[in-house]
Amino acid sequence: MPRSATRKTLTLALTTSAAAALIALPTGSAQAASNCWPTGITAWGHNAFTCNNVQGANVYELVDGATHVIDHLRTNPSWFACRADFTDRPNGSSVHPYRWLWTQGDDNATWGWVSDGDVISETNTVEPC
């Protein structure tokens, strides 16, 4: 068999094997994110909660995600004073698509809103604003 035919056959075999392996992988069961937990401090009149989040998450001045970024969350986990659902302000999250959390950023200690899409923990336990 010529070398180019061998290479094509091998490539086809590897591609077919890879596709079969992807199909045959067990799906497992999806696990819900763990809840945010109480921090034991009060902020803005609310019992603050600590949540796992994306490091470097943007903190926005307004809850539209389009205004300028005013700070970032450099730590994980971070704490949040409260949460709010704004039905006219989508955030890109598939779990809570209109939820934003009020917190203090790590760079400048500026207060602002973080998208629920940047919070890994389940945020239902965070008090409403």
N, C-alpha and C. Protein backbone atom coordinates (compact mmCIF):
# COMPACT_ATOMS: atom_id res chain seq x y z
N MET A 1 0.85 -1.17 0.00
CA MET A 1 0.00 0.00 0.00
C MET A 1 0.90 1.24 0.00
N PRO A 2 0.63 2.22 -0.88
CA PRO A 2 1.44 3.42 -0.91
C PRO A 2 1.33 4.18 0.42
N ARG A 3 2.37 4.95 0.71
CA ARG A 3 2.43 5.67 1.98
C ARG A 3 1.24 6.61 2.17
N SER A 4 0.80 7.35 1.15
CA SER A 4 -0.32 8.28 1.28
C SER A 4 -1.62 7.54 1.58
N ALA A 5 -1.80 6.36 1.01
CA ALA A 5 -3.01 5.57 1.29
C ALA A 5 -2.99 5.07 2.73
N THR A 6 -1.80 4.69 3.22
CA THR A 6 -1.69 4.24 4.61
C THR A 6 -2.02 5.38 5.56
N ARG A 7 -1.50 6.57 5.25
CA ARG A 7 -1.76 7.74 6.10
C ARG A 7 -3.25 8.07 6.12
N LYS A 8 -3.93 8.02 4.95
CA LYS A 8 -5.36 8.30 4.89
C LYS A 8 -6.16 7.26 5.67
N THR A 9 -5.79 6.00 5.54
CA THR A 9 -6.48 4.92 6.26
C THR A 9 -6.29 5.10 7.76
N LEU A 10 -5.07 5.41 8.20
CA LEU A 10 -4.78 5.60 9.61
C LEU A 10 -5.55 6.81 10.15
N THR A 11 -5.59 7.90 9.39
CA THR A 11 -6.32 9.09 9.81
C THR A 11 -7.80 8.79 9.95
N LEU A 12 -8.38 8.08 9.01
CA LEU A 12 -9.78 7.71 9.06
C LEU A 12 -10.05 6.81 10.26
N ALA A 13 -9.16 5.84 10.50
CA ALA A 13 -9.33 4.93 11.64
C ALA A 13 -9.27 5.70 12.96
N LEU A 14 -8.32 6.63 13.09
CA LEU A 14 -8.21 7.41 14.32
C LEU A 14 -9.42 8.32 14.52
N THR A 15 -9.88 8.92 13.42
CA THR A 15 -11.04 9.80 13.51
C THR A 15 -12.27 9.01 13.92
N THR A 16 -12.47 7.84 13.33
CA THR A 16 -13.60 6.98 13.67
C THR A 16 -13.51 6.51 15.11
N SER A 17 -12.31 6.15 15.56
CA SER A 17 -12.13 5.69 16.94
C SER A 17 -12.40 6.81 17.92
N ALA A 18 -11.93 8.01 17.61
CA ALA A 18 -12.16 9.14 18.50
C ALA A 18 -13.65 9.46 18.60
N ALA A 19 -14.35 9.41 17.49
CA ALA A 19 -15.79 9.67 17.50
C ALA A 19 -16.52 8.60 18.31
N ALA A 20 -16.13 7.35 18.16
CA ALA A 20 -16.75 6.27 18.91
C ALA A 20 -16.48 6.43 20.41
N ALA A 21 -15.28 6.84 20.76
CA ALA A 21 -14.94 7.03 22.17
C ALA A 21 -15.77 8.15 22.79
N LEU A 22 -16.00 9.21 22.02
CA LEU A 22 -16.81 10.31 22.54
C LEU A 22 -18.25 9.88 22.76
N ILE A 23 -18.75 9.07 21.86
CA ILE A 23 -20.12 8.60 21.98
C ILE A 23 -20.25 7.63 23.14
N ALA A 24 -19.23 6.82 23.38
CA ALA A 24 -19.30 5.78 24.38
C ALA A 24 -18.98 6.26 25.79
N LEU A 25 -18.54 7.52 25.95
CA LEU A 25 -18.21 8.00 27.28
C LEU A 25 -19.44 8.05 28.17
N PRO A 26 -19.32 7.64 29.43
CA PRO A 26 -20.47 7.73 30.32
C PRO A 26 -20.79 9.19 30.62
N THR A 27 -22.07 9.49 30.71
CA THR A 27 -22.47 10.87 30.92
C THR A 27 -22.41 11.26 32.38
N GLY A 28 -22.60 10.34 33.29
CA GLY A 28 -22.57 10.68 34.71
C GLY A 28 -23.79 11.51 35.08
N SER A 29 -23.90 11.88 36.32
CA SER A 29 -25.03 12.70 36.73
C SER A 29 -24.54 14.11 37.03
N ALA A 30 -25.32 15.08 36.62
CA ALA A 30 -24.96 16.47 36.88
C ALA A 30 -25.13 16.76 38.36
N GLN A 31 -24.21 17.51 38.93
CA GLN A 31 -24.32 17.89 40.33
C GLN A 31 -24.65 19.36 40.42
N ALA A 32 -25.54 19.66 41.33
CA ALA A 32 -25.88 21.06 41.57
C ALA A 32 -24.72 21.75 42.27
N ALA A 33 -24.57 23.02 42.00
CA ALA A 33 -23.53 23.80 42.68
C ALA A 33 -23.84 23.89 44.16
N SER A 34 -22.81 23.93 44.98
CA SER A 34 -23.04 24.07 46.42
C SER A 34 -23.51 25.50 46.71
N ASN A 35 -24.29 25.62 47.77
CA ASN A 35 -24.84 26.92 48.15
C ASN A 35 -23.75 27.86 48.66
N CYS A 36 -24.00 29.15 48.54
CA CYS A 36 -23.19 30.16 49.22
C CYS A 36 -23.42 29.98 50.72
N TRP A 37 -22.45 30.38 51.54
CA TRP A 37 -22.56 30.16 52.97
C TRP A 37 -22.39 31.48 53.73
N PRO A 38 -22.99 31.58 54.94
CA PRO A 38 -22.93 32.82 55.70
C PRO A 38 -21.50 33.19 56.09
N THR A 39 -21.19 34.49 56.04
CA THR A 39 -19.86 34.96 56.41
C THR A 39 -19.78 35.36 57.88
N GLY A 40 -20.94 35.67 58.46
CA GLY A 40 -20.95 36.15 59.84
C GLY A 40 -20.76 37.65 59.95
N ILE A 41 -20.77 38.36 58.83
CA ILE A 41 -20.67 39.82 58.86
C ILE A 41 -21.91 40.44 58.24
N THR A 42 -22.14 41.68 58.56
CA THR A 42 -23.26 42.42 58.00
C THR A 42 -22.72 43.50 57.07
N ALA A 43 -23.31 43.59 55.90
CA ALA A 43 -22.91 44.62 54.92
C ALA A 43 -24.16 45.20 54.29
N TRP A 44 -24.26 46.52 54.29
CA TRP A 44 -25.40 47.22 53.71
C TRP A 44 -26.72 46.73 54.32
N GLY A 45 -26.68 46.37 55.58
CA GLY A 45 -27.89 45.93 56.27
C GLY A 45 -28.29 44.50 55.99
N HIS A 46 -27.43 43.74 55.35
CA HIS A 46 -27.73 42.34 55.01
C HIS A 46 -26.68 41.43 55.61
N ASN A 47 -27.09 40.21 55.92
CA ASN A 47 -26.13 39.19 56.33
C ASN A 47 -25.39 38.73 55.08
N ALA A 48 -24.11 39.01 55.00
CA ALA A 48 -23.33 38.70 53.80
C ALA A 48 -23.10 37.20 53.68
N PHE A 49 -22.95 36.74 52.45
CA PHE A 49 -22.69 35.34 52.15
C PHE A 49 -21.43 35.23 51.30
N THR A 50 -20.69 34.15 51.52
CA THR A 50 -19.49 33.86 50.74
C THR A 50 -19.85 32.84 49.67
N CYS A 51 -19.35 33.07 48.46
CA CYS A 51 -19.65 32.18 47.33
C CYS A 51 -18.37 31.92 46.54
N ASN A 52 -18.31 30.76 45.92
CA ASN A 52 -17.23 30.49 44.97
C ASN A 52 -17.53 31.28 43.70
N ASN A 53 -16.50 31.85 43.11
CA ASN A 53 -16.69 32.70 41.95
C ASN A 53 -15.49 32.58 41.00
N VAL A 54 -15.65 33.16 39.84
CA VAL A 54 -14.58 33.23 38.85
C VAL A 54 -13.59 34.29 39.30
N GLN A 55 -12.32 33.93 39.41
CA GLN A 55 -11.30 34.93 39.77
C GLN A 55 -11.16 35.93 38.62
N GLY A 56 -11.11 37.19 38.97
CA GLY A 56 -10.99 38.23 37.96
C GLY A 56 -12.33 38.71 37.43
N ALA A 57 -13.43 38.23 38.05
CA ALA A 57 -14.76 38.64 37.60
C ALA A 57 -14.90 40.16 37.63
N ASN A 58 -15.60 40.69 36.65
CA ASN A 58 -15.83 42.13 36.58
C ASN A 58 -16.86 42.57 37.61
N VAL A 59 -16.62 43.74 38.18
CA VAL A 59 -17.60 44.41 39.04
C VAL A 59 -18.05 45.64 38.24
N TYR A 60 -19.37 45.73 38.01
CA TYR A 60 -19.94 46.80 37.19
C TYR A 60 -20.61 47.85 38.06
N GLU A 61 -20.60 49.06 37.54
CA GLU A 61 -21.28 50.16 38.22
C GLU A 61 -22.80 49.94 38.21
N LEU A 62 -23.33 49.52 37.07
CA LEU A 62 -24.75 49.26 36.90
C LEU A 62 -24.97 47.80 36.55
N VAL A 63 -26.20 47.33 36.65
CA VAL A 63 -26.48 45.92 36.44
C VAL A 63 -26.71 45.53 34.99
N ASP A 64 -26.22 46.30 34.06
CA ASP A 64 -26.45 45.94 32.67
C ASP A 64 -25.26 45.21 32.05
N GLY A 65 -24.14 45.16 32.72
CA GLY A 65 -22.97 44.48 32.18
C GLY A 65 -22.36 45.20 31.00
N ALA A 66 -22.92 46.34 30.63
CA ALA A 66 -22.42 47.09 29.49
C ALA A 66 -21.70 48.36 29.92
N THR A 67 -21.97 48.80 31.15
CA THR A 67 -21.29 50.00 31.64
C THR A 67 -19.84 49.66 31.94
N HIS A 68 -19.08 50.66 32.21
CA HIS A 68 -17.65 50.42 32.44
C HIS A 68 -17.44 49.58 33.70
N VAL A 69 -16.41 48.78 33.64
CA VAL A 69 -16.00 47.95 34.77
C VAL A 69 -15.34 48.87 35.80
N ILE A 70 -15.79 48.78 37.05
CA ILE A 70 -15.24 49.67 38.09
C ILE A 70 -14.30 48.95 39.05
N ASP A 71 -14.29 47.62 39.01
CA ASP A 71 -13.42 46.85 39.91
C ASP A 71 -13.43 45.40 39.45
N HIS A 72 -12.74 44.55 40.20
CA HIS A 72 -12.67 43.10 39.90
C HIS A 72 -12.67 42.31 41.20
N LEU A 73 -13.07 41.05 41.08
CA LEU A 73 -12.93 40.12 42.20
C LEU A 73 -11.69 39.30 41.94
N ARG A 74 -10.66 39.51 42.72
CA ARG A 74 -9.40 38.79 42.55
C ARG A 74 -9.33 37.53 43.39
N THR A 75 -10.23 37.43 44.37
CA THR A 75 -10.21 36.28 45.28
C THR A 75 -11.31 35.30 44.93
N ASN A 76 -11.12 34.09 45.32
CA ASN A 76 -12.13 33.05 45.23
C ASN A 76 -11.95 32.14 46.43
N PRO A 77 -12.94 32.12 47.32
CA PRO A 77 -14.27 32.71 47.20
C PRO A 77 -14.28 34.20 47.56
N SER A 78 -15.43 34.82 47.27
CA SER A 78 -15.67 36.22 47.61
C SER A 78 -16.99 36.31 48.37
N TRP A 79 -17.20 37.43 49.02
CA TRP A 79 -18.46 37.59 49.76
C TRP A 79 -19.34 38.63 49.06
N PHE A 80 -20.65 38.45 49.28
CA PHE A 80 -21.65 39.28 48.62
C PHE A 80 -22.67 39.74 49.65
N ALA A 81 -23.03 41.02 49.59
CA ALA A 81 -23.96 41.60 50.55
C ALA A 81 -25.39 41.15 50.26
N CYS A 82 -25.77 41.12 48.97
CA CYS A 82 -27.14 40.77 48.62
C CYS A 82 -27.23 40.47 47.13
N ARG A 83 -28.41 40.04 46.72
CA ARG A 83 -28.66 39.71 45.31
C ARG A 83 -29.93 40.40 44.85
N ALA A 84 -30.04 40.60 43.54
CA ALA A 84 -31.26 41.17 42.97
C ALA A 84 -31.47 40.59 41.58
N ASP A 85 -32.73 40.35 41.25
CA ASP A 85 -33.10 39.88 39.92
C ASP A 85 -33.77 41.02 39.17
N PHE A 86 -33.15 41.42 38.08
CA PHE A 86 -33.66 42.51 37.25
C PHE A 86 -34.10 41.91 35.92
N THR A 87 -35.40 41.77 35.71
CA THR A 87 -35.92 41.07 34.54
C THR A 87 -35.57 41.76 33.22
N ASP A 88 -35.16 43.00 33.29
CA ASP A 88 -34.79 43.71 32.07
C ASP A 88 -33.27 43.82 31.91
N ARG A 89 -32.51 43.09 32.73
CA ARG A 89 -31.05 43.16 32.69
C ARG A 89 -30.43 41.77 32.64
N PRO A 90 -30.46 41.11 31.47
CA PRO A 90 -29.88 39.77 31.37
C PRO A 90 -28.37 39.79 31.60
N ASN A 91 -27.85 38.70 32.16
CA ASN A 91 -26.43 38.65 32.51
C ASN A 91 -25.66 37.53 31.82
N GLY A 92 -26.33 36.72 31.01
CA GLY A 92 -25.65 35.64 30.32
C GLY A 92 -25.62 34.32 31.07
N SER A 93 -26.12 34.30 32.30
CA SER A 93 -26.15 33.07 33.11
C SER A 93 -27.30 32.19 32.65
N SER A 94 -27.06 30.88 32.58
CA SER A 94 -28.15 29.97 32.23
C SER A 94 -28.95 29.55 33.46
N VAL A 95 -28.40 29.74 34.65
CA VAL A 95 -29.07 29.33 35.88
C VAL A 95 -29.99 30.44 36.40
N HIS A 96 -29.46 31.63 36.57
CA HIS A 96 -30.22 32.80 37.01
C HIS A 96 -29.93 33.93 36.03
N PRO A 97 -30.62 33.95 34.90
CA PRO A 97 -30.24 34.86 33.80
C PRO A 97 -30.44 36.35 34.07
N TYR A 98 -31.09 36.71 35.16
CA TYR A 98 -31.31 38.13 35.45
C TYR A 98 -30.78 38.52 36.83
N ARG A 99 -29.98 37.65 37.43
CA ARG A 99 -29.52 37.89 38.80
C ARG A 99 -28.16 38.57 38.82
N TRP A 100 -28.04 39.57 39.72
CA TRP A 100 -26.80 40.30 39.95
C TRP A 100 -26.56 40.33 41.46
N LEU A 101 -25.30 40.36 41.86
CA LEU A 101 -24.95 40.36 43.28
C LEU A 101 -24.14 41.61 43.62
N TRP A 102 -24.47 42.23 44.75
CA TRP A 102 -23.84 43.47 45.22
C TRP A 102 -22.64 43.10 46.09
N THR A 103 -21.48 43.63 45.75
CA THR A 103 -20.27 43.30 46.49
C THR A 103 -19.25 44.42 46.40
N GLN A 104 -18.17 44.23 47.09
CA GLN A 104 -17.07 45.18 47.07
C GLN A 104 -15.91 44.55 46.32
N GLY A 105 -15.40 45.27 45.32
CA GLY A 105 -14.29 44.75 44.52
C GLY A 105 -12.99 44.69 45.30
N ASP A 106 -12.04 43.96 44.75
CA ASP A 106 -10.76 43.75 45.43
C ASP A 106 -9.68 44.75 45.03
N ASP A 107 -9.78 45.35 43.86
CA ASP A 107 -8.73 46.26 43.40
C ASP A 107 -8.81 47.62 44.09
N ASN A 108 -10.02 48.20 44.12
CA ASN A 108 -10.21 49.56 44.62
C ASN A 108 -11.19 49.65 45.77
N ALA A 109 -11.68 48.50 46.26
CA ALA A 109 -12.71 48.46 47.31
C ALA A 109 -13.97 49.21 46.89
N THR A 110 -14.26 49.20 45.58
CA THR A 110 -15.43 49.87 45.03
C THR A 110 -16.62 48.93 45.06
N TRP A 111 -17.78 49.45 45.49
CA TRP A 111 -18.99 48.66 45.52
C TRP A 111 -19.64 48.63 44.14
N GLY A 112 -20.14 47.45 43.75
CA GLY A 112 -20.80 47.33 42.47
C GLY A 112 -21.44 45.96 42.30
N TRP A 113 -21.86 45.68 41.09
CA TRP A 113 -22.63 44.48 40.76
C TRP A 113 -21.78 43.46 40.00
N VAL A 114 -21.95 42.20 40.38
CA VAL A 114 -21.30 41.08 39.69
C VAL A 114 -22.39 40.19 39.10
N SER A 115 -22.20 39.76 37.88
CA SER A 115 -23.16 38.87 37.23
C SER A 115 -23.20 37.52 37.94
N ASP A 116 -24.40 36.98 38.09
CA ASP A 116 -24.54 35.63 38.65
C ASP A 116 -23.79 34.61 37.79
N GLY A 117 -23.59 34.93 36.53
CA GLY A 117 -22.84 34.04 35.64
C GLY A 117 -21.38 33.88 36.05
N ASP A 118 -20.86 34.81 36.85
CA ASP A 118 -19.48 34.73 37.34
C ASP A 118 -19.40 34.12 38.74
N VAL A 119 -20.55 33.71 39.27
CA VAL A 119 -20.58 33.07 40.59
C VAL A 119 -20.86 31.59 40.38
N ILE A 120 -19.98 30.75 40.90
CA ILE A 120 -20.07 29.31 40.71
C ILE A 120 -21.08 28.69 41.67
N SER A 121 -21.13 29.18 42.90
CA SER A 121 -22.05 28.65 43.91
C SER A 121 -23.49 29.01 43.57
N GLU A 122 -24.42 28.22 44.11
CA GLU A 122 -25.84 28.54 44.01
C GLU A 122 -26.11 29.76 44.89
N THR A 123 -26.71 30.80 44.33
CA THR A 123 -26.87 32.08 45.04
C THR A 123 -28.23 32.28 45.67
N ASN A 124 -29.09 31.29 45.67
CA ASN A 124 -30.41 31.46 46.29
C ASN A 124 -30.32 31.76 47.78
N THR A 125 -29.25 31.34 48.43
CA THR A 125 -29.12 31.57 49.87
C THR A 125 -28.72 33.01 50.20
N VAL A 126 -28.19 33.74 49.23
CA VAL A 126 -27.81 35.14 49.45
C VAL A 126 -29.10 35.95 49.61
N GLU A 127 -29.11 36.83 50.62
CA GLU A 127 -30.32 37.63 50.89
C GLU A 127 -30.64 38.56 49.72
N PRO A 128 -31.93 38.74 49.44
CA PRO A 128 -32.31 39.73 48.42
C PRO A 128 -31.98 41.14 48.90
N CYS A 129 -31.64 42.01 47.97
CA CYS A 129 -31.33 43.41 48.31
C CYS A 129 -32.61 44.17 48.63
